[in-house]
Amino acid sequence: MAAKRPPKRLPLPKRFNAALTDDAYTRLRELNAAYGLGNNYLLTVL
C-alpha cells in the first residue's frame, strides 16, 4: 500500500478581519507555523 501523505497546510494570510492586536496576530501566525493548524481552530482553542 502507498504511504499516506499528511494533509497540505496552507500558511495564514498576511492579515484577516479579526479583532486582534498586532501582537496577538503575530502569536497566531507563530502557532500556525509551529503546529500547522488552521486559524479558526487556533482561535477556538485559544
Protein backbone atom coordinates (compact mmCIF):
# COMPACT_ATOMS: atom_id res chain seq x y z
CA MET A 1 0.00 0.00 0.00
CA ALA A 2 1.12 3.53 -0.69
CA ALA A 3 2.09 5.70 2.27
CA LYS A 4 -0.47 8.33 3.21
CA ARG A 5 0.67 11.89 2.77
CA PRO A 6 -0.07 14.37 5.53
CA PRO A 7 -2.73 16.95 4.60
CA LYS A 8 -1.41 20.02 2.85
CA ARG A 9 -1.18 23.00 5.18
CA LEU A 10 -1.56 26.50 3.83
CA PRO A 11 0.03 29.45 5.61
CA LEU A 12 -2.18 32.03 7.23
CA PRO A 13 -2.93 35.08 5.12
CA LYS A 14 -0.99 38.21 5.95
CA ARG A 15 -3.98 39.76 7.71
CA PHE A 16 -7.64 38.90 8.06
CA ASN A 17 -10.62 40.63 9.65
CA ALA A 18 -10.48 39.63 13.27
CA ALA A 19 -10.41 41.84 16.33
CA LEU A 20 -6.80 41.01 17.25
CA THR A 21 -3.92 43.21 18.26
CA ASP A 22 -0.80 43.04 16.13
CA ASP A 23 0.98 41.13 18.92
CA ALA A 24 -1.85 38.59 19.15
CA TYR A 25 -1.91 38.12 15.39
CA THR A 26 1.87 37.62 15.35
CA ARG A 27 1.47 34.91 18.00
CA LEU A 28 -1.32 33.29 16.00
CA ARG A 29 0.96 33.11 12.95
CA GLU A 30 3.73 31.58 15.09
CA LEU A 31 1.34 28.90 16.36
CA ASN A 32 0.17 28.22 12.81
CA ALA A 33 3.77 27.78 11.63
CA ALA A 34 4.68 25.57 14.59
CA TYR A 35 1.67 23.25 14.59
CA GLY A 36 0.19 23.62 11.11
CA LEU A 37 -3.31 24.19 12.45
CA GLY A 38 -5.84 26.50 10.83
CA ASN A 39 -6.57 29.94 12.21
CA ASN A 40 -10.21 29.09 13.04
CA TYR A 41 -9.10 26.08 15.06
CA LEU A 42 -6.38 28.03 16.86
CA LEU A 43 -8.75 30.89 17.68
CA THR A 44 -11.30 28.41 19.04
CA VAL A 45 -8.71 26.70 21.23
CA LEU A 46 -7.25 29.96 22.46
